[in-house]
């Protein structure tokens, strides 16, 4: 699958050069922006895999734009490009959570490996977040089912297994998840 990239730099020539390198390497440059504000808006529309972001730009600088993109999860990864290698930029980059930092001039030798690692890390983080959400959902479902079983056991004088089977049966009959059935049972018995 081709990696989808937004290139952001206030210099047109730099954007064109970067886009050309990326296209030659088989990447899909889906958008270009001349400032951080436009980069954020492009990411909201296009949801790219990666954003190459210049640091020093008008309207909204690259660090602030990266923070918005990362916080809103508008792209898998952000890699900063800068002519400045000062420690203050590096610290800011780490704080906002970018996946890479390249000091200009950029060449395919330093750009491509950085992109590949940044996208791989971005995909890994996305998968971890998805897995965490699934586990959280499963845990919540389990808690609801256990609580509903307890209610059914008390009210109907049935065993744990019978309560579980009743919830499962209702789930199949109603074509609803066991969690939804359990939550309905809980709601019905809350005083």
Protein backbone atom coordinates (compact mmCIF):
# COMPACT_ATOMS: atom_id res chain seq x y z
CA UNK A 1 0.00 0.00 0.00
CA UNK A 2 1.35 3.40 -1.00
CA UNK A 3 2.06 5.78 1.83
CA UNK A 4 -0.05 8.96 1.54
CA UNK A 5 1.90 12.13 2.40
CA UNK A 6 1.16 15.84 2.86
CA UNK A 7 4.18 18.09 2.27
CA UNK A 8 4.26 21.39 4.16
CA UNK A 9 6.85 24.10 3.61
CA UNK A 10 6.54 27.84 3.08
CA UNK A 11 8.99 27.67 0.15
CA UNK A 12 7.42 26.47 -3.10
CA UNK A 13 10.72 25.14 -4.47
CA UNK A 14 11.28 23.03 -1.36
CA UNK A 15 7.74 21.61 -1.59
CA UNK A 16 8.28 20.78 -5.25
CA UNK A 17 11.67 19.13 -4.57
CA UNK A 18 10.31 17.06 -1.69
CA UNK A 19 7.25 16.02 -3.71
CA UNK A 20 9.47 14.96 -6.61
CA UNK A 21 11.73 12.85 -4.36
CA UNK A 22 8.70 11.21 -2.77
CA UNK A 23 6.97 10.46 -6.09
CA UNK A 24 10.18 8.96 -7.50
CA UNK A 25 10.33 6.69 -4.44
CA UNK A 26 6.73 5.54 -4.99
CA UNK A 27 4.95 7.61 -2.37
CA UNK A 28 1.60 9.30 -2.99
CA UNK A 29 1.82 13.05 -2.31
CA UNK A 30 -1.85 13.79 -1.66
CA UNK A 31 -1.45 17.44 -0.74
CA UNK A 32 0.87 20.40 -0.28
CA UNK A 33 0.58 23.33 2.11
CA UNK A 34 2.53 26.55 2.51
CA UNK A 35 1.78 27.05 6.21
CA UNK A 36 0.75 25.11 9.29
CA UNK A 37 -2.87 26.25 9.17
CA UNK A 38 -3.36 24.88 5.65
CA UNK A 39 -1.54 21.68 6.65
CA UNK A 40 -3.99 21.07 9.49
CA UNK A 41 -6.97 21.72 7.20
CA UNK A 42 -5.56 19.38 4.52
CA UNK A 43 -5.06 16.67 7.13
CA UNK A 44 -8.64 17.05 8.32
CA UNK A 45 -9.82 16.41 4.77
CA UNK A 46 -7.28 13.85 3.54
CA UNK A 47 -6.21 11.88 6.65
CA UNK A 48 -2.70 11.15 5.32
CA UNK A 49 -0.31 8.54 6.67
CA UNK A 50 2.45 11.12 7.14
CA UNK A 51 2.98 14.87 7.18
CA UNK A 52 6.35 16.38 6.35
CA UNK A 53 6.29 19.67 8.23
CA UNK A 54 8.65 22.62 8.05
CA UNK A 55 9.17 24.23 11.46
CA UNK A 56 9.39 27.94 10.60
CA UNK A 57 6.26 29.02 8.71
CA UNK A 58 3.78 31.91 8.71
CA UNK A 59 0.30 31.88 10.34
CA UNK A 60 0.83 28.64 12.31
CA UNK A 61 4.34 27.28 12.77
CA UNK A 62 5.20 23.63 12.23
CA UNK A 63 5.47 22.74 15.91
CA UNK A 64 2.00 24.10 16.74
CA UNK A 65 0.47 22.60 13.59
CA UNK A 66 2.07 19.23 14.43
CA UNK A 67 0.57 19.38 17.91
CA UNK A 68 -2.93 19.85 16.46
CA UNK A 69 -2.44 17.07 13.90
CA UNK A 70 -1.15 14.64 16.53
CA UNK A 71 -3.73 15.53 19.21
CA UNK A 72 -6.63 15.23 16.76
CA UNK A 73 -5.11 12.09 15.18
CA UNK A 74 -5.33 13.62 11.69
CA UNK A 75 -2.32 11.63 10.42
CA UNK A 76 -0.43 8.55 11.56
CA UNK A 77 2.89 10.41 11.82
CA UNK A 78 4.53 13.81 11.55
CA UNK A 79 8.15 14.37 10.56
CA UNK A 80 9.60 17.85 11.06
CA UNK A 81 11.95 19.47 8.57
CA UNK A 82 14.06 22.37 9.68
CA UNK A 83 17.12 24.38 8.86
CA UNK A 84 17.64 24.77 12.61
CA UNK A 85 19.22 22.04 14.68
CA UNK A 86 18.94 23.90 17.99
CA UNK A 87 18.13 21.95 21.11
CA UNK A 88 15.02 24.08 21.80
CA UNK A 89 13.38 22.88 18.54
CA UNK A 90 14.30 19.29 19.33
CA UNK A 91 12.77 19.55 22.81
CA UNK A 92 9.58 21.07 21.41
CA UNK A 93 9.41 18.34 18.75
CA UNK A 94 9.68 15.63 21.42
CA UNK A 95 7.01 17.30 23.54
CA UNK A 96 4.41 17.37 20.75
CA UNK A 97 5.11 13.77 19.75
CA UNK A 98 6.52 13.95 16.23
CA UNK A 99 8.01 10.71 14.87
CA UNK A 100 11.02 12.19 13.14
CA UNK A 101 13.18 15.30 12.75
CA UNK A 102 15.31 16.03 9.69
CA UNK A 103 17.74 18.94 9.40
CA UNK A 104 17.81 20.52 5.93
CA UNK A 105 19.11 20.07 3.29
CA UNK A 106 16.96 16.99 2.77
CA UNK A 107 18.05 14.13 0.55
CA UNK A 108 16.36 10.84 -0.29
CA UNK A 109 19.08 9.11 1.79
CA UNK A 110 17.91 10.75 5.02
CA UNK A 111 14.26 11.27 4.07
CA UNK A 112 13.13 7.78 3.02
CA UNK A 113 14.38 5.83 6.08
CA UNK A 114 12.89 8.47 8.38
CA UNK A 115 9.53 8.26 6.60
CA UNK A 116 9.48 4.46 6.69
CA UNK A 117 10.25 4.32 10.41
CA UNK A 118 7.81 7.14 11.25
CA UNK A 119 4.95 5.50 9.35
CA UNK A 120 5.70 2.08 10.86
CA UNK A 121 5.70 3.61 14.37
CA UNK A 122 2.50 5.51 13.60
CA UNK A 123 0.77 2.32 12.45
CA UNK A 124 1.99 0.46 15.52
CA UNK A 125 0.70 3.17 17.86
CA UNK A 126 -2.65 3.20 16.03
CA UNK A 127 -2.94 -0.59 16.42
CA UNK A 128 -2.05 -0.40 20.11
CA UNK A 129 -4.74 2.27 20.64
CA UNK A 130 -7.31 0.16 18.76
CA UNK A 131 -6.38 -2.96 20.74
CA UNK A 132 -6.62 -1.00 23.99
CA UNK A 133 -10.08 0.26 23.05
CA UNK A 134 -11.22 -3.29 22.22
CA UNK A 135 -9.93 -4.57 25.55
CA UNK A 136 -11.59 -1.71 27.38
CA UNK A 137 -14.86 -2.50 25.59
CA UNK A 138 -14.56 -6.19 26.43
CA UNK A 139 -13.86 -5.39 30.08
CA UNK A 140 -16.88 -3.07 30.27
CA UNK A 141 -19.05 -5.75 28.62
CA UNK A 142 -17.79 -8.34 31.10
CA UNK A 143 -18.56 -6.05 34.05
CA UNK A 144 -22.08 -5.37 32.74
CA UNK A 145 -22.75 -9.06 32.12
CA UNK A 146 -21.51 -9.99 35.61
CA UNK A 147 -23.67 -7.29 37.18
CA UNK A 148 -26.72 -8.36 35.16
CA UNK A 149 -26.11 -12.00 36.11
CA UNK A 150 -26.10 -10.98 39.76
CA UNK A 151 -29.43 -9.18 39.35
CA UNK A 152 -31.00 -12.17 37.57
CA UNK A 153 -29.64 -14.59 40.18
CA UNK A 154 -31.12 -12.52 43.03
CA UNK A 155 -34.50 -11.84 41.41
CA UNK A 156 -35.08 -15.24 39.79
CA UNK A 157 -33.26 -17.45 42.30
CA UNK A 158 -31.16 -19.05 39.55
CA UNK A 159 -27.54 -20.11 39.27
CA UNK A 160 -24.71 -18.14 37.70
CA UNK A 161 -24.74 -20.44 34.66
CA UNK A 162 -28.51 -20.13 34.24
CA UNK A 163 -28.27 -16.33 34.44
CA UNK A 164 -25.51 -16.31 31.83
CA UNK A 165 -27.51 -18.60 29.53
CA UNK A 166 -30.57 -16.37 29.91
CA UNK A 167 -28.57 -13.29 28.87
CA UNK A 168 -27.09 -15.21 25.94
CA UNK A 169 -30.55 -16.45 24.86
CA UNK A 170 -31.99 -12.92 24.99
CA UNK A 171 -28.99 -11.68 23.02
CA UNK A 172 -29.69 -14.17 20.23
CA UNK A 173 -33.45 -13.55 20.23
CA UNK A 174 -33.09 -9.77 20.14
CA UNK A 175 -30.09 -9.79 17.75
CA UNK A 176 -28.27 -7.58 20.24
CA UNK A 177 -24.93 -7.88 21.99
CA UNK A 178 -24.81 -9.50 25.40
CA UNK A 179 -23.47 -6.19 26.71
CA UNK A 180 -26.58 -4.34 25.48
CA UNK A 181 -28.89 -6.98 26.97
CA UNK A 182 -26.97 -6.82 30.27
CA UNK A 183 -27.19 -3.02 30.32
CA UNK A 184 -30.97 -3.22 29.72
CA UNK A 185 -31.33 -5.67 32.62
CA UNK A 186 -29.28 -3.35 34.85
CA UNK A 187 -31.31 -0.27 33.82
CA UNK A 188 -34.56 -2.14 34.45
CA UNK A 189 -33.52 -3.00 37.98
CA UNK A 190 -31.98 0.33 39.05
CA UNK A 191 -34.13 2.05 41.63
